[in-house]
């Protein structure tokens, strides 16, 4: 995957100062698998994900001078944010609107302005993780793919990529409370999807 993404870059993009190119490769390439994984789960297609990641890496390279991070965690958040934004831009152009749309009112409030539709209970983190680990891999894949994109992305980032709530907040650009609410709702939807698939099996 790494070779495919980098080889797809145009010569003008790669014809940078050698130090910048080396630093970009050192910062960005270690996170290529995570970038592809996120893009694959959002686009639900291997080829589309590869195209999105290539475009995202080109954007990251183009704006690399603006990156001020100094550790692997900040680089991963910065890069995955670009991948996420590139995915949603790509889906807006290439997918039906209902596959991309997000109705924020269904997520509850996280700014203190009103009541939440549901509360986050962090005591469920451990049982939820055990549920995901125990589920049949193919069934789990189908269940995750059935989630709306905003819930799918937080499940993927938290459960598959092991990002912290704070890192997910950085990638998605939404408040920590919203991340927690989406994760709680996403886990609930995932449980329902797994239950339905299990009954249908």
Protein backbone atom coordinates (compact mmCIF):
# COMPACT_ATOMS: atom_id res chain seq x y z
CA UNK A 1 0.00 0.00 0.00
CA UNK A 2 2.80 2.43 0.92
CA UNK A 3 4.58 1.98 -2.40
CA UNK A 4 1.37 2.43 -4.38
CA UNK A 5 0.51 5.70 -2.65
CA UNK A 6 3.96 7.22 -2.93
CA UNK A 7 4.55 6.01 -6.48
CA UNK A 8 1.34 7.74 -7.51
CA UNK A 9 2.70 11.14 -6.51
CA UNK A 10 3.61 13.41 -9.38
CA UNK A 11 7.22 14.38 -9.96
CA UNK A 12 6.56 18.07 -9.17
CA UNK A 13 5.06 17.06 -5.83
CA UNK A 14 8.04 14.89 -4.96
CA UNK A 15 10.60 17.31 -6.38
CA UNK A 16 10.89 19.16 -3.09
CA UNK A 17 13.85 20.06 -0.98
CA UNK A 18 15.45 16.73 -0.06
CA UNK A 19 15.18 17.49 3.67
CA UNK A 20 11.44 18.16 3.38
CA UNK A 21 10.87 15.00 1.39
CA UNK A 22 12.83 12.88 3.86
CA UNK A 23 11.02 14.44 6.82
CA UNK A 24 7.63 13.92 5.15
CA UNK A 25 8.38 10.26 4.49
CA UNK A 26 9.57 9.81 8.08
CA UNK A 27 6.44 11.47 9.48
CA UNK A 28 3.76 10.22 7.08
CA UNK A 29 4.70 6.75 5.86
CA UNK A 30 4.48 4.99 9.25
CA UNK A 31 0.77 5.89 9.32
CA UNK A 32 -0.06 4.72 5.82
CA UNK A 33 -1.75 1.51 6.96
CA UNK A 34 -3.95 3.43 9.43
CA UNK A 35 -4.77 5.96 6.71
CA UNK A 36 -5.76 3.21 4.29
CA UNK A 37 -7.75 1.39 6.96
CA UNK A 38 -9.79 4.51 7.76
CA UNK A 39 -10.33 5.28 4.07
CA UNK A 40 -11.33 1.67 3.36
CA UNK A 41 -13.95 1.64 6.10
CA UNK A 42 -15.36 5.00 5.04
CA UNK A 43 -15.47 4.35 1.30
CA UNK A 44 -16.18 0.61 1.69
CA UNK A 45 -14.13 -0.11 -1.41
CA UNK A 46 -10.45 -1.05 -1.75
CA UNK A 47 -9.77 0.84 -4.98
CA UNK A 48 -11.62 3.96 -3.84
CA UNK A 49 -9.71 3.87 -0.57
CA UNK A 50 -6.39 3.66 -2.42
CA UNK A 51 -7.36 6.67 -4.55
CA UNK A 52 -8.45 8.64 -1.50
CA UNK A 53 -5.26 7.86 0.41
CA UNK A 54 -3.12 8.84 -2.56
CA UNK A 55 -4.99 12.14 -2.84
CA UNK A 56 -4.75 12.67 0.92
CA UNK A 57 -1.01 12.06 0.93
CA UNK A 58 -0.58 14.50 -1.95
CA UNK A 59 -2.50 17.09 0.06
CA UNK A 60 -0.45 16.32 3.16
CA UNK A 61 2.76 16.74 1.18
CA UNK A 62 1.53 19.97 -0.37
CA UNK A 63 0.77 21.47 3.06
CA UNK A 64 3.52 19.74 4.99
CA UNK A 65 5.21 23.02 5.85
CA UNK A 66 2.18 23.87 8.00
CA UNK A 67 2.61 20.73 10.13
CA UNK A 68 4.07 21.68 13.51
CA UNK A 69 3.83 18.36 15.32
CA UNK A 70 6.86 16.81 16.92
CA UNK A 71 5.75 13.30 17.81
CA UNK A 72 4.19 10.25 16.19
CA UNK A 73 0.80 10.85 17.85
CA UNK A 74 0.38 14.35 16.49
CA UNK A 75 1.53 13.19 13.04
CA UNK A 76 -1.05 10.41 13.03
CA UNK A 77 -3.85 12.77 14.07
CA UNK A 78 -2.80 15.38 11.49
CA UNK A 79 -2.61 12.81 8.71
CA UNK A 80 -5.82 10.96 9.56
CA UNK A 81 -7.66 14.29 9.68
CA UNK A 82 -6.54 14.92 6.09
CA UNK A 83 -7.55 11.39 5.08
CA UNK A 84 -10.95 11.79 6.74
CA UNK A 85 -11.63 15.14 5.08
CA UNK A 86 -10.49 13.78 1.73
CA UNK A 87 -12.81 10.77 2.17
CA UNK A 88 -15.86 12.89 2.89
CA UNK A 89 -15.06 15.27 0.01
CA UNK A 90 -14.67 12.28 -2.30
CA UNK A 91 -17.94 10.73 -1.09
CA UNK A 92 -19.83 14.00 -1.58
CA UNK A 93 -18.75 13.97 -5.22
CA UNK A 94 -19.10 10.25 -5.89
CA UNK A 95 -21.82 8.86 -3.65
CA UNK A 96 -25.52 9.44 -3.16
CA UNK A 97 -26.16 12.23 -0.63
CA UNK A 98 -27.92 9.93 1.83
CA UNK A 99 -24.74 7.88 2.18
CA UNK A 100 -22.80 10.93 3.40
CA UNK A 101 -25.39 13.04 5.18
CA UNK A 102 -25.18 13.52 8.92
CA UNK A 103 -28.14 14.69 10.94
CA UNK A 104 -26.48 16.34 13.94
CA UNK A 105 -29.76 16.62 15.82
CA UNK A 106 -29.81 12.84 16.10
CA UNK A 107 -26.53 12.93 17.98
CA UNK A 108 -27.60 15.01 20.96
CA UNK A 109 -25.98 18.13 22.36
CA UNK A 110 -22.48 18.33 23.76
CA UNK A 111 -22.16 22.04 24.46
CA UNK A 112 -24.28 22.24 27.59
CA UNK A 113 -27.07 24.01 25.72
CA UNK A 114 -29.56 21.18 26.08
CA UNK A 115 -30.10 17.60 27.18
CA UNK A 116 -28.37 14.71 25.48
CA UNK A 117 -30.49 12.11 23.77
CA UNK A 118 -28.35 9.51 25.48
CA UNK A 119 -25.52 9.58 27.98
CA UNK A 120 -22.10 8.04 27.67
CA UNK A 121 -21.39 5.30 30.16
CA UNK A 122 -17.66 4.60 30.04
CA UNK A 123 -18.19 1.49 32.17
CA UNK A 124 -19.29 -0.19 28.93
CA UNK A 125 -15.92 0.33 27.23
CA UNK A 126 -14.49 -2.97 28.44
CA UNK A 127 -17.55 -5.17 27.72
CA UNK A 128 -17.95 -3.52 24.31
CA UNK A 129 -14.34 -4.24 23.46
CA UNK A 130 -14.81 -7.87 24.51
CA UNK A 131 -17.94 -8.08 22.35
CA UNK A 132 -16.04 -6.81 19.32
CA UNK A 133 -13.16 -9.21 19.98
CA UNK A 134 -15.50 -12.18 20.31
CA UNK A 135 -17.62 -11.47 17.25
CA UNK A 136 -17.08 -13.46 14.07
CA UNK A 137 -14.72 -11.40 11.89
CA UNK A 138 -16.83 -11.52 8.72
CA UNK A 139 -20.00 -10.73 10.66
CA UNK A 140 -18.24 -7.86 12.43
CA UNK A 141 -17.07 -6.46 9.09
CA UNK A 142 -20.63 -6.49 7.77
CA UNK A 143 -21.96 -4.91 10.96
CA UNK A 144 -19.38 -2.09 10.88
CA UNK A 145 -20.04 -1.46 7.19
CA UNK A 146 -23.75 -1.08 7.95
CA UNK A 147 -23.13 1.88 10.28
CA UNK A 148 -23.60 5.47 9.05
CA UNK A 149 -20.19 7.03 8.23
CA UNK A 150 -19.91 9.25 11.32
CA UNK A 151 -20.44 6.29 13.63
CA UNK A 152 -18.37 3.95 11.50
CA UNK A 153 -15.36 6.26 11.60
CA UNK A 154 -15.28 6.60 15.40
CA UNK A 155 -15.69 2.83 15.85
CA UNK A 156 -12.83 2.21 13.41
CA UNK A 157 -10.57 4.82 15.00
CA UNK A 158 -11.25 3.69 18.57
CA UNK A 159 -11.64 -0.08 18.30
CA UNK A 160 -9.47 -0.92 15.28
CA UNK A 161 -6.84 1.84 15.29
CA UNK A 162 -6.82 2.32 19.10
CA UNK A 163 -6.94 6.13 18.99
CA UNK A 164 -7.77 7.93 22.21
CA UNK A 165 -10.91 10.05 22.51
CA UNK A 166 -8.71 13.13 22.32
CA UNK A 167 -7.01 11.90 19.14
CA UNK A 168 -10.37 11.10 17.54
CA UNK A 169 -11.51 14.60 18.46
CA UNK A 170 -8.42 15.96 16.71
CA UNK A 171 -9.02 13.89 13.59
CA UNK A 172 -12.73 14.66 13.28
CA UNK A 173 -12.56 18.27 14.45
CA UNK A 174 -15.49 17.80 16.84
CA UNK A 175 -15.67 18.27 20.60
CA UNK A 176 -14.64 15.47 22.94
CA UNK A 177 -18.22 15.12 24.18
CA UNK A 178 -19.43 14.61 20.62
CA UNK A 179 -16.78 11.93 20.05
CA UNK A 180 -17.93 10.12 23.19
CA UNK A 181 -21.59 10.42 22.20
CA UNK A 182 -20.94 9.16 18.68
CA UNK A 183 -18.90 6.27 20.02
CA UNK A 184 -21.62 5.35 22.50
CA UNK A 185 -24.30 5.51 19.79
CA UNK A 186 -22.06 3.70 17.30
CA UNK A 187 -21.50 0.85 19.74
CA UNK A 188 -25.23 0.63 20.35
CA UNK A 189 -25.91 0.45 16.60
CA UNK A 190 -23.12 -2.07 16.20
CA UNK A 191 -24.63 -4.31 18.88
CA UNK A 192 -27.98 -4.12 17.10
CA UNK A 193 -26.42 -4.91 13.73
CA UNK A 194 -24.50 -7.87 15.16
CA UNK A 195 -27.67 -9.17 16.81
CA UNK A 196 -29.62 -8.93 13.54
CA UNK A 197 -26.87 -10.64 11.56
CA UNK A 198 -26.60 -13.36 14.18
CA UNK A 199 -30.34 -14.04 14.02
CA UNK A 200 -30.22 -14.12 10.22
CA UNK A 201 -27.31 -16.58 10.19
